[in-house]
Amino acid sequence: MDVVDMLRAAGFGILEATNADEAMRMLERNSDVRHIFTDIDMPGSMNGLKLAAAVMDRWPPIRIIATSGHFKIQAGDLPADERFIPKPHKPVQVINAIDELTSAV
């Protein structure tokens, strides 16, 4: 089961983008987005880290969860207090990160 299916099954409303450019357009049209789950390694004009930075710049309340099977995250790669979950990950790790970020607001 992929992350989108798992989050839907857990009751979360999901918007799915194929790349960062599409994600930015979706955010411009959907003001109720509270979390982004992004792969760092993705196609398009920016990777997941650049997407996270752009989102935090334009929509500071949105919380970020990033993942990667190849990228090794370092201090400062993500905005403070955001989450990184290395692949392979378990569905419960993603749900726990969302819960943590939601309760920290």
PDB file of N, CA and C in Angstrom:
ATOM      1  N   MET A   1       0.858  -1.178   0.000  1.00  0.00           N
ATOM      2  CA  MET A   1       0.000   0.000   0.000  1.00  0.00           C
ATOM      3  C   MET A   1       0.900   1.235   0.000  1.00  0.00           C
ATOM      4  N   ASP A   2       0.643   2.149  -0.918  1.00  0.00           N
ATOM      5  CA  ASP A   2       1.470   3.349  -0.914  1.00  0.00           C
ATOM      6  C   ASP A   2       0.954   4.350   0.116  1.00  0.00           C
ATOM      7  N   VAL A   3       1.727   5.394   0.343  1.00  0.00           N
ATOM      8  CA  VAL A   3       1.413   6.364   1.392  1.00  0.00           C
ATOM      9  C   VAL A   3       0.067   7.038   1.152  1.00  0.00           C
ATOM     10  N   VAL A   4      -0.251   7.378  -0.082  1.00  0.00           N
ATOM     11  CA  VAL A   4      -1.526   8.037  -0.383  1.00  0.00           C
ATOM     12  C   VAL A   4      -2.693   7.146   0.037  1.00  0.00           C
ATOM     13  N   ASP A   5      -2.647   5.880  -0.361  1.00  0.00           N
ATOM     14  CA  ASP A   5      -3.721   4.958  -0.001  1.00  0.00           C
ATOM     15  C   ASP A   5      -3.807   4.777   1.513  1.00  0.00           C
ATOM     16  N   MET A   6      -2.657   4.666   2.163  1.00  0.00           N
ATOM     17  CA  MET A   6      -2.618   4.481   3.605  1.00  0.00           C
ATOM     18  C   MET A   6      -3.208   5.689   4.336  1.00  0.00           C
ATOM     19  N   LEU A   7      -2.873   6.885   3.899  1.00  0.00           N
ATOM     20  CA  LEU A   7      -3.403   8.086   4.553  1.00  0.00           C
ATOM     21  C   LEU A   7      -4.904   8.235   4.305  1.00  0.00           C
ATOM     22  N   ARG A   8      -5.346   7.908   3.103  1.00  0.00           N
ATOM     23  CA  ARG A   8      -6.788   7.939   2.837  1.00  0.00           C
ATOM     24  C   ARG A   8      -7.518   6.942   3.728  1.00  0.00           C
ATOM     25  N   ALA A   9      -6.962   5.739   3.842  1.00  0.00           N
ATOM     26  CA  ALA A   9      -7.568   4.706   4.681  1.00  0.00           C
ATOM     27  C   ALA A   9      -7.620   5.139   6.148  1.00  0.00           C
ATOM     28  N   ALA A  10      -6.669   5.984   6.554  1.00  0.00           N
ATOM     29  CA  ALA A  10      -6.639   6.487   7.928  1.00  0.00           C
ATOM     30  C   ALA A  10      -7.563   7.683   8.122  1.00  0.00           C
ATOM     31  N   GLY A  11      -8.237   8.121   7.044  1.00  0.00           N
ATOM     32  CA  GLY A  11      -9.214   9.194   7.167  1.00  0.00           C
ATOM     33  C   GLY A  11      -8.717  10.584   6.800  1.00  0.00           C
ATOM     34  N   PHE A  12      -7.520  10.690   6.286  1.00  0.00           N
ATOM     35  CA  PHE A  12      -6.997  11.998   5.899  1.00  0.00           C
ATOM     36  C   PHE A  12      -7.488  12.372   4.502  1.00  0.00           C
ATOM     37  N   GLY A  13      -7.793  13.655   4.296  1.00  0.00           N
ATOM     38  CA  GLY A  13      -8.098  14.170   2.962  1.00  0.00           C
ATOM     39  C   GLY A  13      -6.778  14.390   2.241  1.00  0.00           C
ATOM     40  N   ILE A  14      -6.685  13.923   1.018  1.00  0.00           N
ATOM     41  CA  ILE A  14      -5.411  13.934   0.295  1.00  0.00           C
ATOM     42  C   ILE A  14      -5.535  14.669  -1.033  1.00  0.00           C
ATOM     43  N   LEU A  15      -4.536  15.495  -1.323  1.00  0.00           N
ATOM     44  CA  LEU A  15      -4.313  16.040  -2.660  1.00  0.00           C
ATOM     45  C   LEU A  15      -2.991  15.454  -3.102  1.00  0.00           C
ATOM     46  N   GLU A  16      -2.934  14.930  -4.308  1.00  0.00           N
ATOM     47  CA  GLU A  16      -1.715  14.275  -4.777  1.00  0.00           C
ATOM     48  C   GLU A  16      -1.139  15.024  -5.969  1.00  0.00           C
ATOM     49  N   ALA A  17       0.148  15.376  -5.865  1.00  0.00           N
ATOM     50  CA  ALA A  17       0.850  16.065  -6.936  1.00  0.00           C
ATOM     51  C   ALA A  17       1.981  15.184  -7.450  1.00  0.00           C
ATOM     52  N   THR A  18       2.245  15.269  -8.743  1.00  0.00           N
ATOM     53  CA  THR A  18       3.305  14.451  -9.333  1.00  0.00           C
ATOM     54  C   THR A  18       4.684  15.100  -9.236  1.00  0.00           C
ATOM     55  N   ASN A  19       4.714  16.410  -8.972  1.00  0.00           N
ATOM     56  CA  ASN A  19       5.996  17.105  -8.820  1.00  0.00           C
ATOM     57  C   ASN A  19       5.777  18.383  -8.004  1.00  0.00           C
ATOM     58  N   ALA A  20       6.859  19.066  -7.688  1.00  0.00           N
ATOM     59  CA  ALA A  20       6.784  20.254  -6.843  1.00  0.00           C
ATOM     60  C   ALA A  20       6.006  21.394  -7.493  1.00  0.00           C
ATOM     61  N   ASP A  21       6.147  21.553  -8.798  1.00  0.00           N
ATOM     62  CA  ASP A  21       5.424  22.627  -9.485  1.00  0.00           C
ATOM     63  C   ASP A  21       3.911  22.427  -9.353  1.00  0.00           C
ATOM     64  N   GLU A  22       3.473  21.208  -9.544  1.00  0.00           N
ATOM     65  CA  GLU A  22       2.052  20.898  -9.396  1.00  0.00           C
ATOM     66  C   GLU A  22       1.614  21.089  -7.948  1.00  0.00           C
ATOM     67  N   ALA A  23       2.460  20.711  -7.012  1.00  0.00           N
ATOM     68  CA  ALA A  23       2.135  20.900  -5.593  1.00  0.00           C
ATOM     69  C   ALA A  23       1.946  22.384  -5.272  1.00  0.00           C
ATOM     70  N   MET A  24       2.811  23.231  -5.791  1.00  0.00           N
ATOM     71  CA  MET A  24       2.688  24.676  -5.541  1.00  0.00           C
ATOM     72  C   MET A  24       1.386  25.216  -6.120  1.00  0.00           C
ATOM     73  N   ARG A  25       1.018  24.766  -7.313  1.00  0.00           N
ATOM     74  CA  ARG A  25      -0.259  25.215  -7.906  1.00  0.00           C
ATOM     75  C   ARG A  25      -1.437  24.751  -7.051  1.00  0.00           C
ATOM     76  N   MET A  26      -1.367  23.544  -6.543  1.00  0.00           N
ATOM     77  CA  MET A  26      -2.443  23.034  -5.683  1.00  0.00           C
ATOM     78  C   MET A  26      -2.559  23.860  -4.405  1.00  0.00           C
ATOM     79  N   LEU A  27      -1.428  24.223  -3.836  1.00  0.00           N
ATOM     80  CA  LEU A  27      -1.449  25.029  -2.613  1.00  0.00           C
ATOM     81  C   LEU A  27      -2.041  26.409  -2.866  1.00  0.00           C
ATOM     82  N   GLU A  28      -1.791  26.956  -4.024  1.00  0.00           N
ATOM     83  CA  GLU A  28      -2.366  28.259  -4.365  1.00  0.00           C
ATOM     84  C   GLU A  28      -3.886  28.192  -4.447  1.00  0.00           C
ATOM     85  N   ARG A  29      -4.425  27.035  -4.805  1.00  0.00           N
ATOM     86  CA  ARG A  29      -5.877  26.873  -4.958  1.00  0.00           C
ATOM     87  C   ARG A  29      -6.566  26.274  -3.733  1.00  0.00           C
ATOM     88  N   ASN A  30      -5.809  25.762  -2.777  1.00  0.00           N
ATOM     89  CA  ASN A  30      -6.386  25.058  -1.630  1.00  0.00           C
ATOM     90  C   ASN A  30      -5.811  25.610  -0.334  1.00  0.00           C
ATOM     91  N   SER A  31      -6.532  26.520   0.268  1.00  0.00           N
ATOM     92  CA  SER A  31      -6.029  27.187   1.469  1.00  0.00           C
ATOM     93  C   SER A  31      -6.164  26.352   2.735  1.00  0.00           C
ATOM     94  N   ASP A  32      -6.789  25.192   2.650  1.00  0.00           N
ATOM     95  CA  ASP A  32      -6.983  24.383   3.851  1.00  0.00           C
ATOM     96  C   ASP A  32      -5.924  23.300   4.049  1.00  0.00           C
ATOM     97  N   VAL A  33      -4.873  23.275   3.244  1.00  0.00           N
ATOM     98  CA  VAL A  33      -3.807  22.288   3.403  1.00  0.00           C
ATOM     99  C   VAL A  33      -3.027  22.599   4.675  1.00  0.00           C
ATOM    100  N   ARG A  34      -2.805  21.567   5.486  1.00  0.00           N
ATOM    101  CA  ARG A  34      -2.104  21.749   6.761  1.00  0.00           C
ATOM    102  C   ARG A  34      -0.767  21.021   6.826  1.00  0.00           C
ATOM    103  N   HIS A  35      -0.611  19.973   5.995  1.00  0.00           N
ATOM    104  CA  HIS A  35       0.609  19.165   5.989  1.00  0.00           C
ATOM    105  C   HIS A  35       0.992  18.815   4.553  1.00  0.00           C
ATOM    106  N   ILE A  36       2.291  18.682   4.348  1.00  0.00           N
ATOM    107  CA  ILE A  36       2.794  18.176   3.070  1.00  0.00           C
ATOM    108  C   ILE A  36       3.715  17.006   3.387  1.00  0.00           C
ATOM    109  N   PHE A  37       3.504  15.918   2.675  1.00  0.00           N
ATOM    110  CA  PHE A  37       4.403  14.772   2.728  1.00  0.00           C
ATOM    111  C   PHE A  37       5.071  14.699   1.367  1.00  0.00           C
ATOM    112  N   THR A  38       6.385  14.887   1.331  1.00  0.00           N
ATOM    113  CA  THR A  38       7.092  14.958   0.058  1.00  0.00           C
ATOM    114  C   THR A  38       8.316  14.061   0.033  1.00  0.00           C
ATOM    115  N   ASP A  39       8.549  13.491  -1.117  1.00  0.00           N
ATOM    116  CA  ASP A  39       9.798  12.768  -1.334  1.00  0.00           C
ATOM    117  C   ASP A  39      10.850  13.811  -1.708  1.00  0.00           C
ATOM    118  N   ILE A  40      12.032  13.669  -1.177  1.00  0.00           N
ATOM    119  CA  ILE A  40      13.097  14.612  -1.523  1.00  0.00           C
ATOM    120  C   ILE A  40      13.521  14.415  -2.972  1.00  0.00           C
ATOM    121  N   ASP A  41      13.545  13.171  -3.401  1.00  0.00           N
ATOM    122  CA  ASP A  41      13.971  12.839  -4.758  1.00  0.00           C
ATOM    123  C   ASP A  41      12.754  12.812  -5.667  1.00  0.00           C
ATOM    124  N   MET A  42      12.462  13.935  -6.325  1.00  0.00           N
ATOM    125  CA  MET A  42      11.313  13.980  -7.220  1.00  0.00           C
ATOM    126  C   MET A  42      11.630  14.785  -8.467  1.00  0.00           C
ATOM    127  N   PRO A  43      10.868  14.521  -9.526  1.00  0.00           N
ATOM    128  CA  PRO A  43      11.114  15.242 -10.773  1.00  0.00           C
ATOM    129  C   PRO A  43      10.587  16.678 -10.704  1.00  0.00           C
ATOM    130  N   GLY A  44      10.993  17.467 -11.645  1.00  0.00           N
ATOM    131  CA  GLY A  44      10.477  18.831 -11.729  1.00  0.00           C
ATOM    132  C   GLY A  44      11.561  19.863 -11.480  1.00  0.00           C
ATOM    133  N   SER A  45      11.131  21.088 -11.317  1.00  0.00           N
ATOM    134  CA  SER A  45      12.070  22.193 -11.192  1.00  0.00           C
ATOM    135  C   SER A  45      12.718  22.285  -9.817  1.00  0.00           C
ATOM    136  N   MET A  46      12.170  21.563  -8.835  1.00  0.00           N
ATOM    137  CA  MET A  46      12.771  21.577  -7.500  1.00  0.00           C
ATOM    138  C   MET A  46      12.567  20.229  -6.828  1.00  0.00           C
ATOM    139  N   ASN A  47      13.497  19.882  -5.947  1.00  0.00           N
ATOM    140  CA  ASN A  47      13.351  18.647  -5.190  1.00  0.00           C
ATOM    141  C   ASN A  47      12.493  18.909  -3.947  1.00  0.00           C
ATOM    142  N   GLY A  48      12.307  17.910  -3.126  1.00  0.00           N
ATOM    143  CA  GLY A  48      11.461  18.045  -1.949  1.00  0.00           C
ATOM    144  C   GLY A  48      11.971  19.045  -0.932  1.00  0.00           C
ATOM    145  N   LEU A  49      13.287  19.190  -0.816  1.00  0.00           N
ATOM    146  CA  LEU A  49      13.833  20.173   0.121  1.00  0.00           C
ATOM    147  C   LEU A  49      13.564  21.595  -0.352  1.00  0.00           C
ATOM    148  N   LYS A  50      13.714  21.832  -1.649  1.00  0.00           N
ATOM    149  CA  LYS A  50      13.404  23.163  -2.183  1.00  0.00           C
ATOM    150  C   LYS A  50      11.902  23.434  -2.097  1.00  0.00           C
ATOM    151  N   LEU A  51      11.095  22.398  -2.303  1.00  0.00           N
ATOM    152  CA  LEU A  51       9.648  22.552  -2.123  1.00  0.00           C
ATOM    153  C   LEU A  51       9.335  22.930  -0.683  1.00  0.00           C
ATOM    154  N   ALA A  52       9.937  22.241   0.269  1.00  0.00           N
ATOM    155  CA  ALA A  52       9.711  22.545   1.683  1.00  0.00           C
ATOM    156  C   ALA A  52      10.063  23.992   2.003  1.00  0.00           C
ATOM    157  N   ALA A  53      11.194  24.456   1.498  1.00  0.00           N
ATOM    158  CA  ALA A  53      11.612  25.845   1.738  1.00  0.00           C
ATOM    159  C   ALA A  53      10.624  26.827   1.118  1.00  0.00           C
ATOM    160  N   ALA A  54      10.168  26.545  -0.106  1.00  0.00           N
ATOM    161  CA  ALA A  54       9.212  27.432  -0.779  1.00  0.00           C
ATOM    162  C   ALA A  54       7.882  27.466  -0.035  1.00  0.00           C
ATOM    163  N   VAL A  55       7.439  26.322   0.433  1.00  0.00           N
ATOM    164  CA  VAL A  55       6.176  26.255   1.171  1.00  0.00           C
ATOM    165  C   VAL A  55       6.289  27.019   2.484  1.00  0.00           C
ATOM    166  N   MET A  56       7.376  26.819   3.198  1.00  0.00           N
ATOM    167  CA  MET A  56       7.545  27.518   4.479  1.00  0.00           C
ATOM    168  C   MET A  56       7.636  29.028   4.282  1.00  0.00           C
ATOM    169  N   ASP A  57       8.177  29.443   3.154  1.00  0.00           N
ATOM    170  CA  ASP A  57       8.283  30.874   2.859  1.00  0.00           C
ATOM    171  C   ASP A  57       6.914  31.483   2.568  1.00  0.00           C
ATOM    172  N   ARG A  58       6.086  30.778   1.792  1.00  0.00           N
ATOM    173  CA  ARG A  58       4.780  31.319   1.371  1.00  0.00           C
ATOM    174  C   ARG A  58       3.640  30.961   2.308  1.00  0.00           C
ATOM    175  N   TRP A  59       3.705  29.782   2.910  1.00  0.00           N
ATOM    176  CA  TRP A  59       2.626  29.300   3.780  1.00  0.00           C
ATOM    177  C   TRP A  59       3.226  28.751   5.076  1.00  0.00           C
ATOM    178  N   PRO A  60       3.715  29.610   5.947  1.00  0.00           N
ATOM    179  CA  PRO A  60       4.406  29.155   7.163  1.00  0.00           C
ATOM    180  C   PRO A  60       3.612  28.187   8.056  1.00  0.00           C
ATOM    181  N   PRO A  61       2.282  28.251   8.101  1.00  0.00           N
ATOM    182  CA  PRO A  61       1.578  27.299   8.973  1.00  0.00           C
ATOM    183  C   PRO A  61       1.610  25.846   8.479  1.00  0.00           C
ATOM    184  N   ILE A  62       1.899  25.633   7.193  1.00  0.00           N
ATOM    185  CA  ILE A  62       1.908  24.270   6.671  1.00  0.00           C
ATOM    186  C   ILE A  62       3.121  23.534   7.221  1.00  0.00           C
ATOM    187  N   ARG A  63       2.870  22.337   7.721  1.00  0.00           N
ATOM    188  CA  ARG A  63       3.936  21.505   8.291  1.00  0.00           C
ATOM    189  C   ARG A  63       4.429  20.520   7.238  1.00  0.00           C
ATOM    190  N   ILE A  64       5.718  20.203   7.293  1.00  0.00           N
ATOM    191  CA  ILE A  64       6.373  19.407   6.267  1.00  0.00           C
ATOM    192  C   ILE A  64       6.876  18.081   6.838  1.00  0.00           C
ATOM    193  N   ILE A  65       6.609  17.018   6.110  1.00  0.00           N
ATOM    194  CA  ILE A  65       7.215  15.715   6.370  1.00  0.00           C
ATOM    195  C   ILE A  65       7.882  15.303   5.068  1.00  0.00           C
ATOM    196  N   ALA A  66       9.180  15.036   5.121  1.00  0.00           N
ATOM    197  CA  ALA A  66       9.929  14.637   3.930  1.00  0.00           C
ATOM    198  C   ALA A  66      10.431  13.209   4.095  1.00  0.00           C
ATOM    199  N   THR A  67      10.628  12.558   2.970  1.00  0.00           N
ATOM    200  CA  THR A  67      11.148  11.199   2.975  1.00  0.00           C
ATOM    201  C   THR A  67      12.133  11.021   1.837  1.00  0.00           C
ATOM    202  N   SER A  68      12.990  10.022   1.972  1.00  0.00           N
ATOM    203  CA  SER A  68      13.906   9.666   0.901  1.00  0.00           C
ATOM    204  C   SER A  68      14.521   8.308   1.194  1.00  0.00           C
ATOM    205  N   GLY A  69      14.794   7.584   0.140  1.00  0.00           N
ATOM    206  CA  GLY A  69      15.511   6.333   0.271  1.00  0.00           C
ATOM    207  C   GLY A  69      16.985   6.496  -0.044  1.00  0.00           C
ATOM    208  N   HIS A  70      17.363   7.678  -0.573  1.00  0.00           N
ATOM    209  CA  HIS A  70      18.741   7.903  -0.996  1.00  0.00           C
ATOM    210  C   HIS A  70      19.400   9.066  -0.274  1.00  0.00           C
ATOM    211  N   PHE A  71      18.648  10.107  -0.059  1.00  0.00           N
ATOM    212  CA  PHE A  71      19.194  11.337   0.509  1.00  0.00           C
ATOM    213  C   PHE A  71      19.416  11.171   2.010  1.00  0.00           C
ATOM    214  N   LYS A  72      20.550  11.596   2.481  1.00  0.00           N
ATOM    215  CA  LYS A  72      20.848  11.592   3.912  1.00  0.00           C
ATOM    216  C   LYS A  72      20.687  13.019   4.420  1.00  0.00           C
ATOM    217  N   ILE A  73      19.674  13.226   5.237  1.00  0.00           N
ATOM    218  CA  ILE A  73      19.357  14.582   5.702  1.00  0.00           C
ATOM    219  C   ILE A  73      20.399  15.067   6.714  1.00  0.00           C
ATOM    220  N   GLN A  74      20.661  16.361   6.671  1.00  0.00           N
ATOM    221  CA  GLN A  74      21.604  16.976   7.590  1.00  0.00           C
ATOM    222  C   GLN A  74      20.935  18.167   8.250  1.00  0.00           C
ATOM    223  N   ALA A  75      21.505  18.613   9.351  1.00  0.00           N
ATOM    224  CA  ALA A  75      20.963  19.771  10.058  1.00  0.00           C
ATOM    225  C   ALA A  75      20.840  20.937   9.082  1.00  0.00           C
ATOM    226  N   GLY A  76      19.704  21.582   9.092  1.00  0.00           N
ATOM    227  CA  GLY A  76      19.465  22.725   8.230  1.00  0.00           C
ATOM    228  C   GLY A  76      18.873  22.391   6.871  1.00  0.00           C
ATOM    229  N   ASP A  77      18.791  21.097   6.526  1.00  0.00           N
ATOM    230  CA  ASP A  77      18.193  20.719   5.246  1.00  0.00           C
ATOM    231  C   ASP A  77      16.694  20.989   5.210  1.00  0.00           C
ATOM    232  N   LEU A  78      16.039  20.821   6.343  1.00  0.00           N
ATOM    233  CA  LEU A  78      14.604  21.107   6.459  1.00  0.00           C
ATOM    234  C   LEU A  78      14.415  22.254   7.435  1.00  0.00           C
ATOM    235  N   PRO A  79      13.338  23.009   7.289  1.00  0.00           N
ATOM    236  CA  PRO A  79      13.054  24.045   8.278  1.00  0.00           C
ATOM    237  C   PRO A  79      12.946  23.437   9.685  1.00  0.00           C
ATOM    238  N   ALA A  80      13.223  24.222  10.681  1.00  0.00           N
ATOM    239  CA  ALA A  80      13.177  23.762  12.073  1.00  0.00           C
ATOM    240  C   ALA A  80      11.826  23.141  12.407  1.00  0.00           C
ATOM    241  N   ASP A  81      11.865  22.105  13.198  1.00  0.00           N
ATOM    242  CA  ASP A  81      10.673  21.420  13.710  1.00  0.00           C
ATOM    243  C   ASP A  81       9.888  20.640  12.670  1.00  0.00           C
ATOM    244  N   GLU A  82      10.408  20.484  11.469  1.00  0.00           N
ATOM    245  CA  GLU A  82       9.730  19.640  10.487  1.00  0.00           C
ATOM    246  C   GLU A  82      10.287  18.223  10.618  1.00  0.00           C
ATOM    247  N   ARG A  83       9.749  17.274   9.883  1.00  0.00           N
ATOM    248  CA  ARG A  83      10.117  15.872  10.073  1.00  0.00           C
ATOM    249  C   ARG A  83      10.717  15.253   8.818  1.00  0.00           C
ATOM    250  N   PHE A  84      11.643  14.323   9.053  1.00  0.00           N
ATOM    251  CA  PHE A  84      12.214  13.493   7.998  1.00  0.00           C
ATOM    252  C   PHE A  84      12.023  12.039   8.407  1.00  0.00           C
ATOM    253  N   ILE A  85      11.509  11.239   7.482  1.00  0.00           N
ATOM    254  CA  ILE A  85      11.321   9.812   7.715  1.00  0.00           C
ATOM    255  C   ILE A  85      12.049   9.073   6.594  1.00  0.00           C
ATOM    256  N   PRO A  86      13.122   8.339   6.927  1.00  0.00           N
ATOM    257  CA  PRO A  86      13.838   7.621   5.874  1.00  0.00           C
ATOM    258  C   PRO A  86      13.028   6.441   5.341  1.00  0.00           C
ATOM    259  N   LYS A  87      13.243   6.137   4.058  1.00  0.00           N
ATOM    260  CA  LYS A  87      12.627   4.957   3.456  1.00  0.00           C
ATOM    261  C   LYS A  87      13.535   3.762   3.718  1.00  0.00           C
ATOM    262  N   PRO A  88      13.002   2.603   3.829  1.00  0.00           N
ATOM    263  CA  PRO A  88      11.569   2.303   3.806  1.00  0.00           C
ATOM    264  C   PRO A  88      10.949   2.691   5.150  1.00  0.00           C
ATOM    265  N   HIS A  89       9.732   3.186   5.090  1.00  0.00           N
ATOM    266  CA  HIS A  89       9.048   3.572   6.312  1.00  0.00           C
ATOM    267  C   HIS A  89       7.770   2.771   6.447  1.00  0.00           C
ATOM    268  N   LYS A  90       7.283   2.738   7.665  1.00  0.00           N
ATOM    269  CA  LYS A  90       6.036   2.052   7.961  1.00  0.00           C
ATOM    270  C   LYS A  90       4.918   3.090   8.000  1.00  0.00           C
ATOM    271  N   PRO A  91       3.706   2.697   7.623  1.00  0.00           N
ATOM    272  CA  PRO A  91       2.586   3.647   7.639  1.00  0.00           C
ATOM    273  C   PRO A  91       2.424   4.362   8.980  1.00  0.00           C
ATOM    274  N   VAL A  92       2.620   3.658  10.062  1.00  0.00           N
ATOM    275  CA  VAL A  92       2.432   4.266  11.379  1.00  0.00           C
ATOM    276  C   VAL A  92       3.422   5.405  11.618  1.00  0.00           C
ATOM    277  N   GLN A  93       4.606   5.350  11.013  1.00  0.00           N
ATOM    278  CA  GLN A  93       5.579   6.426  11.176  1.00  0.00           C
ATOM    279  C   GLN A  93       5.068   7.728  10.567  1.00  0.00           C
ATOM    280  N   VAL A  94       4.435   7.638   9.424  1.00  0.00           N
ATOM    281  CA  VAL A  94       3.904   8.831   8.752  1.00  0.00           C
ATOM    282  C   VAL A  94       2.741   9.388   9.567  1.00  0.00           C
ATOM    283  N   ILE A  95       1.834   8.530   9.999  1.00  0.00           N
ATOM    284  CA  ILE A  95       0.689   8.986  10.794  1.00  0.00           C
ATOM    285  C   ILE A  95       1.167   9.592  12.108  1.00  0.00           C
ATOM    286  N   ASN A  96       2.158   8.982  12.762  1.00  0.00           N
ATOM    287  CA  ASN A  96       2.686   9.536  14.001  1.00  0.00           C
ATOM    288  C   ASN A  96       3.305  10.908  13.778  1.00  0.00           C
ATOM    289  N   ALA A  97       4.021  11.089  12.676  1.00  0.00           N
ATOM    290  CA  ALA A  97       4.626  12.389  12.376  1.00  0.00           C
ATOM    291  C   ALA A  97       3.538  13.445  12.171  1.00  0.00           C
ATOM    292  N   ILE A  98       2.481  13.099  11.459  1.00  0.00           N
ATOM    293  CA  ILE A  98       1.375  14.045  11.269  1.00  0.00           C
ATOM    294  C   ILE A  98       0.771  14.402  12.618  1.00  0.00           C
ATOM    295  N   ASP A  99       0.522  13.402  13.457  1.00  0.00           N
ATOM    296  CA  ASP A  99      -0.040  13.662  14.788  1.00  0.00           C
ATOM    297  C   ASP A  99       0.872  14.551  15.614  1.00  0.00           C
ATOM    298  N   GLU A 100       2.186  14.299  15.578  1.00  0.00           N
ATOM    299  CA  GLU A 100       3.143  15.121  16.316  1.00  0.00           C
ATOM    300  C   GLU A 100       3.117  16.566  15.838  1.00  0.00           C
ATOM    301  N   LEU A 101       3.138  16.758  14.540  1.00  0.00           N
ATOM    302  CA  LEU A 101       3.133  18.109  13.987  1.00  0.00           C
ATOM    303  C   LEU A 101       1.827  18.832  14.278  1.00  0.00           C
ATOM    304  N   THR A 102       0.740  18.099  14.273  1.00  0.00           N
ATOM    305  CA  THR A 102      -0.574  18.706  14.554  1.00  0.00           C
ATOM    306  C   THR A 102      -0.657  19.127  16.013  1.00  0.00           C
ATOM    307  N   SER A 103      -0.168  18.296  16.916  1.00  0.00           N
ATOM    308  CA  SER A 103      -0.258  18.618  18.342  1.00  0.00           C
ATOM    309  C   SER A 103       0.732  19.693  18.758  1.00  0.00           C
ATOM    310  N   ALA A 104       1.766  19.921  17.941  1.00  0.00           N
ATOM    311  CA  ALA A 104       2.778  20.939  18.268  1.00  0.00           C
ATOM    312  C   ALA A 104       2.313  22.345  17.910  1.00  0.00           C
ATOM    313  N   VAL A 105       1.191  22.462  17.204  1.00  0.00           N
ATOM    314  CA  VAL A 105       0.714  23.788  16.760  1.00  0.00           C
ATOM    315  C   VAL A 105       0.096  24.537  17.919  1.00  0.00           C
TER     316      VAL A 105
END
